[in-house]
Every structure is written in structure tokens, then in C-alpha cells.
Amino acid sequence: MAAAVLVVVAPSGAGKSSLLQAGLIHRLVKGALTGSQHWPGLLLTPTAWPVTALGSQIAALTNADPAEVAAEITKSPDQ
């Protein structure tokens, strides 16, 4: 079974963080979507280096090397 990722993406200032912090994360933790109570959670601000920031956060969740994760994201963004 392939892993899935739920991502909230919108322009700067659209309210992504507000949406997540206002209850979406809490609802997912409580199982609002089937199995979501078992999903690891990740809330990040991408900064000027979004791939590096994402790679670092994913590496922290998976005990992987951040540079390797960032390189894999860059190499295969559709995977």
C-alpha cells in the first residue's frame, strides 16, 4: 500500500495556518478521516528554502538523513 500525503497549499496570507490551527489538525488527530488518528503530523513554514525545510521535517519523523530526504524530494517530486 502506497503512502499518502495530505497537504494544504495556498498563496501567502490565504489562511492556511489559521485553518490548521483552528481545528483541522485537532479533527484529524481525533480521526475525522478514516485512519487519520494514526497519521504523523507535520506543520511547517517553508521559509526561503522550502525543500530543505520539508526534508528536515520528514527526516525528523522517519529518522532519515535530512539531506538525503531533500535530495529525493528534488529528484522525484511526483513520488
Protein backbone atom coordinates (compact mmCIF):
# COMPACT_ATOMS: atom_id res chain seq x y z
CA MET A 1 0.00 0.00 0.00
CA ALA A 2 1.46 3.36 -1.03
CA ALA A 3 1.78 6.13 1.50
CA ALA A 4 -0.43 9.17 1.01
CA VAL A 5 0.16 12.75 1.97
CA LEU A 6 -2.43 15.39 2.79
CA VAL A 7 -1.07 18.86 2.00
CA VAL A 8 -2.70 22.25 2.45
CA VAL A 9 -1.36 24.66 -0.18
CA ALA A 10 -2.46 28.22 -0.94
CA PRO A 11 -0.92 31.64 -1.55
CA SER A 12 0.71 33.53 1.27
CA GLY A 13 -1.86 35.14 3.54
CA ALA A 14 -4.73 32.88 2.47
CA GLY A 15 -5.18 31.44 5.97
CA LYS A 16 -3.53 28.02 5.74
CA SER A 17 -2.01 28.17 9.20
CA SER A 18 -5.20 29.60 10.66
CA LEU A 19 -7.24 26.76 9.16
CA LEU A 20 -4.88 24.12 10.51
CA GLN A 21 -4.54 25.66 13.95
CA ALA A 22 -8.25 26.49 14.25
CA GLY A 23 -9.24 22.87 14.33
CA LEU A 24 -8.33 20.86 11.25
CA ILE A 25 -5.29 19.27 12.87
CA HIS A 26 -7.29 18.50 16.02
CA ARG A 27 -10.05 16.87 13.97
CA LEU A 28 -7.57 14.75 12.04
CA VAL A 29 -5.91 13.62 15.28
CA LYS A 30 -9.36 12.60 16.50
CA GLY A 31 -9.95 10.52 13.34
CA ALA A 32 -12.15 12.82 11.23
CA LEU A 33 -10.88 10.98 8.15
CA THR A 34 -10.60 7.21 8.28
CA GLY A 35 -7.27 6.33 9.89
CA SER A 36 -6.20 9.94 10.37
CA GLN A 37 -5.71 9.40 14.09
CA HIS A 38 -2.68 7.28 13.13
CA TRP A 39 -1.12 9.77 10.72
CA PRO A 40 2.06 11.55 11.78
CA GLY A 41 1.52 15.29 11.91
CA LEU A 42 3.72 17.96 10.44
CA LEU A 43 3.13 21.71 10.46
CA LEU A 44 5.88 23.79 8.92
CA THR A 45 6.62 27.17 7.46
CA PRO A 46 8.73 26.52 4.39
CA THR A 47 10.98 29.58 4.70
CA ALA A 48 13.17 30.66 1.78
CA TRP A 49 14.31 27.03 1.31
CA PRO A 50 11.07 25.01 1.21
CA VAL A 51 12.59 21.71 0.05
CA THR A 52 15.21 21.84 2.79
CA ALA A 53 12.57 22.70 5.41
CA LEU A 54 10.28 19.90 4.26
CA GLY A 55 13.16 17.44 4.06
CA SER A 56 14.25 18.28 7.61
CA GLN A 57 10.76 17.77 8.99
CA ILE A 58 10.17 14.50 7.14
CA ALA A 59 13.60 13.26 8.25
CA ALA A 60 12.70 14.01 11.87
CA LEU A 61 9.54 11.90 11.53
CA THR A 62 11.31 9.00 9.81
CA ASN A 63 14.80 9.04 11.37
CA ALA A 64 16.29 9.63 7.93
CA ASP A 65 19.11 11.91 6.85
CA PRO A 66 17.67 15.39 6.08
CA ALA A 67 19.99 15.96 3.11
CA GLU A 68 19.02 12.61 1.58
CA VAL A 69 15.30 13.33 2.03
CA ALA A 70 15.67 16.78 0.45
CA ALA A 71 17.65 15.28 -2.44
CA GLU A 72 14.95 12.65 -3.01
CA ILE A 73 12.19 15.29 -3.00
CA THR A 74 14.11 17.31 -5.56
CA LYS A 75 14.93 14.25 -7.68
CA SER A 76 11.39 12.81 -7.68
CA PRO A 77 8.85 15.49 -6.73
CA ASP A 78 5.97 13.40 -8.11
CA GLN A 79 6.74 10.37 -5.86
